């Protein structure tokens, strides 16, 4: 009987240890999952931030290009106007020369 009780006590200890180990492992697994989720979230947020930066850069570039294009158009218009005025002035000069000849 004493031998049986001794075995029974050992069994209880082992069962208790097993429960503790199972509980610890379960906590450890939850911790791993949380850590993994945290890593995933951090990675996602980092990608999201990079995306925002790229989007911001793209907007800035588009805005800059838009301004640059407007500037080119104005410059082009100014050149065309100057060229047209130059031709007009030459025409007037040549016209006057022609009339005087």
N, C-alpha and C. Protein backbone atom coordinates (compact mmCIF):
# COMPACT_ATOMS: atom_id res chain seq x y z
N UNK A 1 0.83 -1.19 0.00
CA UNK A 1 0.00 0.00 0.00
C UNK A 1 0.87 1.25 0.00
N UNK A 2 1.91 1.21 0.82
CA UNK A 2 2.81 2.36 0.88
C UNK A 2 3.47 2.56 -0.47
N UNK A 3 3.80 1.43 -1.11
CA UNK A 3 4.42 1.52 -2.43
C UNK A 3 3.46 2.16 -3.43
N UNK A 4 2.21 1.75 -3.37
CA UNK A 4 1.19 2.29 -4.26
C UNK A 4 1.00 3.78 -4.01
N UNK A 5 0.94 4.18 -2.72
CA UNK A 5 0.79 5.60 -2.39
C UNK A 5 1.99 6.39 -2.89
N UNK A 6 3.17 5.78 -2.75
CA UNK A 6 4.38 6.43 -3.24
C UNK A 6 4.30 6.66 -4.75
N UNK A 7 3.85 5.65 -5.47
CA UNK A 7 3.69 5.79 -6.92
C UNK A 7 2.63 6.83 -7.25
N UNK A 8 1.57 6.79 -6.48
CA UNK A 8 0.48 7.73 -6.70
C UNK A 8 0.95 9.17 -6.50
N UNK A 9 1.75 9.37 -5.45
CA UNK A 9 2.29 10.71 -5.19
C UNK A 9 3.20 11.16 -6.33
N UNK A 10 4.06 10.24 -6.80
CA UNK A 10 4.94 10.57 -7.92
C UNK A 10 4.11 10.92 -9.15
N UNK A 11 3.06 10.17 -9.34
CA UNK A 11 2.18 10.40 -10.49
C UNK A 11 1.55 11.78 -10.40
N UNK A 12 1.12 12.15 -9.18
CA UNK A 12 0.53 13.48 -8.99
C UNK A 12 1.55 14.57 -9.30
N UNK A 13 2.76 14.36 -8.85
CA UNK A 13 3.81 15.36 -9.09
C UNK A 13 4.05 15.49 -10.59
N UNK A 14 4.19 14.35 -11.25
CA UNK A 14 4.41 14.37 -12.69
C UNK A 14 3.26 15.03 -13.41
N UNK A 15 2.04 14.72 -12.98
CA UNK A 15 0.87 15.32 -13.60
C UNK A 15 0.88 16.82 -13.38
N UNK A 16 1.22 17.22 -12.17
CA UNK A 16 1.29 18.64 -11.86
C UNK A 16 2.37 19.32 -12.70
N UNK A 17 3.52 18.64 -12.80
CA UNK A 17 4.60 19.19 -13.63
C UNK A 17 4.16 19.29 -15.09
N UNK A 18 3.47 18.25 -15.54
CA UNK A 18 3.01 18.24 -16.93
C UNK A 18 2.02 19.38 -17.16
N UNK A 19 1.13 19.57 -16.19
CA UNK A 19 0.17 20.68 -16.31
C UNK A 19 0.90 22.02 -16.35
N UNK A 20 1.88 22.15 -15.44
CA UNK A 20 2.65 23.40 -15.41
C UNK A 20 3.37 23.61 -16.74
N UNK A 21 3.97 22.53 -17.24
CA UNK A 21 4.68 22.63 -18.51
C UNK A 21 3.72 22.97 -19.65
N UNK A 22 2.56 22.33 -19.64
CA UNK A 22 1.57 22.59 -20.69
C UNK A 22 1.10 24.05 -20.60
N UNK A 23 0.85 24.49 -19.38
CA UNK A 23 0.42 25.87 -19.18
C UNK A 23 1.51 26.84 -19.64
N UNK A 24 2.75 26.53 -19.24
CA UNK A 24 3.88 27.37 -19.64
C UNK A 24 4.03 27.40 -21.16
N UNK A 25 3.94 26.20 -21.76
CA UNK A 25 4.05 26.13 -23.22
C UNK A 25 2.93 26.91 -23.90
N UNK A 26 1.72 26.79 -23.35
CA UNK A 26 0.59 27.53 -23.92
C UNK A 26 0.84 29.03 -23.82
N UNK A 27 1.33 29.48 -22.67
CA UNK A 27 1.65 30.90 -22.52
C UNK A 27 2.75 31.30 -23.50
N UNK A 28 3.74 30.43 -23.61
CA UNK A 28 4.85 30.70 -24.51
C UNK A 28 4.35 30.80 -25.96
N UNK A 29 3.45 29.89 -26.33
CA UNK A 29 2.89 29.93 -27.69
C UNK A 29 2.10 31.22 -27.91
N UNK A 30 1.29 31.59 -26.91
CA UNK A 30 0.53 32.84 -27.03
C UNK A 30 1.47 34.02 -27.19
N UNK A 31 2.54 33.98 -26.41
CA UNK A 31 3.54 35.04 -26.48
C UNK A 31 4.16 35.09 -27.87
N UNK A 32 4.47 33.90 -28.42
CA UNK A 32 5.04 33.84 -29.77
C UNK A 32 4.06 34.41 -30.79
N UNK A 33 2.80 34.05 -30.64
CA UNK A 33 1.78 34.55 -31.56
C UNK A 33 1.69 36.06 -31.47
N UNK A 34 1.65 36.57 -30.23
CA UNK A 34 1.59 38.02 -30.04
C UNK A 34 2.83 38.70 -30.62
N UNK A 35 3.98 38.09 -30.37
CA UNK A 35 5.23 38.64 -30.90
C UNK A 35 5.19 38.62 -32.41
N UNK A 36 4.72 37.51 -32.96
CA UNK A 36 4.62 37.38 -34.42
C UNK A 36 3.65 38.42 -34.98
N UNK A 37 2.51 38.59 -34.30
CA UNK A 37 1.55 39.61 -34.74
C UNK A 37 2.17 41.00 -34.66
N UNK A 38 2.90 41.23 -33.57
CA UNK A 38 3.54 42.53 -33.40
C UNK A 38 4.56 42.77 -34.51
N UNK A 39 5.32 41.72 -34.83
CA UNK A 39 6.29 41.85 -35.92
C UNK A 39 5.59 42.11 -37.24
N UNK A 40 4.51 41.36 -37.48
CA UNK A 40 3.75 41.56 -38.72
C UNK A 40 3.20 42.97 -38.79
N UNK A 41 2.65 43.43 -37.67
CA UNK A 41 2.09 44.78 -37.64
C UNK A 41 3.19 45.82 -37.86
N UNK A 42 4.33 45.62 -37.22
CA UNK A 42 5.44 46.56 -37.37
C UNK A 42 5.91 46.56 -38.82
N UNK A 43 6.00 45.38 -39.41
CA UNK A 43 6.42 45.27 -40.81
C UNK A 43 5.40 45.95 -41.71
N UNK A 44 4.11 45.67 -41.46
CA UNK A 44 3.05 46.29 -42.26
C UNK A 44 3.07 47.80 -42.12
N UNK A 45 3.23 48.27 -40.87
CA UNK A 45 3.28 49.72 -40.66
C UNK A 45 4.48 50.33 -41.36
N UNK A 46 5.61 49.63 -41.32
CA UNK A 46 6.81 50.13 -42.00
C UNK A 46 6.56 50.21 -43.50
N UNK A 47 5.95 49.17 -44.05
CA UNK A 47 5.63 49.20 -45.49
C UNK A 47 4.65 50.32 -45.79
N UNK A 48 3.67 50.46 -44.92
CA UNK A 48 2.66 51.50 -45.10
C UNK A 48 3.31 52.88 -45.07
N UNK A 49 4.24 53.07 -44.13
CA UNK A 49 4.95 54.36 -44.05
C UNK A 49 5.76 54.60 -45.31
N UNK A 50 6.46 53.55 -45.79
CA UNK A 50 7.22 53.70 -47.02
C UNK A 50 6.29 54.06 -48.17
N UNK A 51 5.13 53.41 -48.18
CA UNK A 51 4.15 53.69 -49.23
C UNK A 51 3.70 55.14 -49.16
N UNK A 52 3.46 55.62 -47.92
CA UNK A 52 3.06 57.03 -47.76
C UNK A 52 4.15 57.96 -48.25
N UNK A 53 5.40 57.62 -47.94
CA UNK A 53 6.51 58.46 -48.38
C UNK A 53 6.57 58.47 -49.89
N UNK A 54 6.46 57.29 -50.50
CA UNK A 54 6.50 57.21 -51.96
C UNK A 54 5.34 57.98 -52.56
N UNK A 55 4.16 57.84 -51.96
CA UNK A 55 3.00 58.56 -52.45
C UNK A 55 3.23 60.06 -52.33
N UNK A 56 3.77 60.47 -51.19
CA UNK A 56 4.08 61.88 -50.97
C UNK A 56 5.10 62.36 -51.99
N UNK A 57 6.15 61.54 -52.20
CA UNK A 57 7.17 61.90 -53.19
C UNK A 57 6.55 61.99 -54.58
N UNK A 58 5.66 61.03 -54.88
CA UNK A 58 5.02 61.03 -56.19
C UNK A 58 4.17 62.28 -56.36
N UNK A 59 3.45 62.65 -55.30
CA UNK A 59 2.64 63.87 -55.38
C UNK A 59 3.52 65.09 -55.57
N UNK A 60 4.62 65.13 -54.82
CA UNK A 60 5.55 66.26 -54.95
C UNK A 60 6.11 66.32 -56.35
N UNK A 61 6.51 65.15 -56.87
CA UNK A 61 7.06 65.10 -58.22
C UNK A 61 6.02 65.52 -59.25
N UNK A 62 4.78 65.03 -59.08
CA UNK A 62 3.72 65.39 -60.01
C UNK A 62 3.46 66.90 -59.95
N UNK A 63 3.45 67.43 -58.73
CA UNK A 63 3.23 68.86 -58.57
C UNK A 63 4.36 69.64 -59.21
N UNK A 64 5.60 69.20 -58.96
CA UNK A 64 6.77 69.85 -59.54
C UNK A 64 6.72 69.77 -61.06
N UNK A 65 6.40 68.58 -61.57
CA UNK A 65 6.32 68.41 -63.02
C UNK A 65 5.21 69.29 -63.60
N UNK A 66 4.10 69.37 -62.86
CA UNK A 66 3.01 70.24 -63.30
C UNK A 66 3.46 71.68 -63.38
N UNK A 67 4.16 72.13 -62.35
CA UNK A 67 4.68 73.50 -62.37
C UNK A 67 5.68 73.67 -63.49
N UNK A 68 6.53 72.67 -63.66
CA UNK A 68 7.55 72.72 -64.70
C UNK A 68 6.90 72.78 -66.08
N UNK A 69 5.84 71.98 -66.26
CA UNK A 69 5.13 72.00 -67.55
C UNK A 69 4.48 73.36 -67.79
N UNK A 70 3.86 73.92 -66.75
CA UNK A 70 3.26 75.25 -66.89
C UNK A 70 4.33 76.26 -67.26
N UNK A 71 5.47 76.14 -66.62
CA UNK A 71 6.58 77.05 -66.90
C UNK A 71 7.03 76.90 -68.34
N UNK A 72 7.12 75.65 -68.81
CA UNK A 72 7.52 75.40 -70.19
C UNK A 72 6.52 76.01 -71.16
N UNK A 73 5.24 75.83 -70.85
CA UNK A 73 4.20 76.38 -71.72
C UNK A 73 4.33 77.90 -71.77
N UNK A 74 4.47 78.52 -70.61
CA UNK A 74 4.60 79.98 -70.58
C UNK A 74 5.84 80.42 -71.34
N UNK A 75 6.94 79.70 -71.13
CA UNK A 75 8.18 80.03 -71.83
C UNK A 75 7.98 79.85 -73.33
N UNK A 76 7.33 78.76 -73.69
CA UNK A 76 7.07 78.48 -75.10
C UNK A 76 6.17 79.56 -75.69
N UNK A 77 5.13 79.92 -74.94
CA UNK A 77 4.24 80.99 -75.42
C UNK A 77 5.01 82.30 -75.55
N UNK A 78 5.86 82.58 -74.59
CA UNK A 78 6.65 83.81 -74.63
C UNK A 78 7.56 83.80 -75.85
N UNK A 79 8.18 82.64 -76.10
CA UNK A 79 9.05 82.53 -77.28
C UNK A 79 8.25 82.71 -78.56
N UNK A 80 7.10 82.05 -78.61
CA UNK A 80 6.27 82.18 -79.81
C UNK A 80 5.83 83.62 -80.01
N UNK A 81 5.43 84.24 -78.91
CA UNK A 81 4.99 85.63 -79.00
C UNK A 81 6.15 86.52 -79.43
N UNK A 82 7.32 86.30 -78.83
CA UNK A 82 8.49 87.10 -79.20
C UNK A 82 8.85 86.86 -80.66
N UNK A 83 8.80 85.59 -81.08
CA UNK A 83 9.12 85.26 -82.46
C UNK A 83 8.11 85.93 -83.40
N UNK A 84 6.85 85.82 -83.04
CA UNK A 84 5.80 86.44 -83.86
C UNK A 84 5.98 87.95 -83.92
N UNK A 85 6.26 88.54 -82.77
CA UNK A 85 6.48 89.99 -82.74
C UNK A 85 7.71 90.35 -83.57
N UNK A 86 8.75 89.52 -83.47
CA UNK A 86 9.96 89.74 -84.26
C UNK A 86 9.66 89.68 -85.75
N UNK A 87 8.89 88.69 -86.14
CA UNK A 87 8.50 88.59 -87.56
C UNK A 87 7.66 89.79 -87.96
N UNK A 88 6.77 90.15 -87.09
CA UNK A 88 5.89 91.28 -87.36
C UNK A 88 6.70 92.56 -87.53
N UNK A 89 7.68 92.73 -86.63
CA UNK A 89 8.55 93.91 -86.72
C UNK A 89 9.36 93.88 -88.01
N UNK A 90 9.91 92.72 -88.36
CA UNK A 90 10.67 92.60 -89.60
C UNK A 90 9.77 92.90 -90.79
N UNK A 91 8.56 92.40 -90.72
CA UNK A 91 7.62 92.62 -91.81
C UNK A 91 7.34 94.11 -91.97
N UNK A 92 7.19 94.78 -90.86
CA UNK A 92 6.94 96.22 -90.92
C UNK A 92 8.14 96.94 -91.53
N UNK A 93 9.32 96.53 -91.10
CA UNK A 93 10.54 97.15 -91.62
C UNK A 93 10.67 96.88 -93.11
N UNK A 94 10.50 95.64 -93.50
CA UNK A 94 10.61 95.29 -94.91
C UNK A 94 9.49 95.94 -95.72
N UNK A 95 8.34 96.00 -95.11
CA UNK A 95 7.22 96.65 -95.80
C UNK A 95 7.52 98.11 -96.04
N UNK A 96 8.07 98.76 -95.04
CA UNK A 96 8.42 100.17 -95.19
C UNK A 96 9.52 100.33 -96.23
N UNK A 97 10.50 99.43 -96.19
CA UNK A 97 11.58 99.49 -97.17
C UNK A 97 11.02 99.30 -98.58
N UNK A 98 10.10 98.39 -98.70
CA UNK A 98 9.54 98.10 -100.01
C UNK A 98 8.76 99.30 -100.54
N UNK A 99 8.00 99.93 -99.66
CA UNK A 99 7.22 101.10 -100.06
C UNK A 99 8.14 102.24 -100.47
N UNK A 100 9.25 102.40 -99.78
CA UNK A 100 10.17 103.49 -100.07
C UNK A 100 10.97 103.24 -101.35
N UNK A 101 11.08 102.06 -101.85
CA UNK A 101 11.89 101.77 -103.04
C UNK A 101 11.15 102.10 -104.24
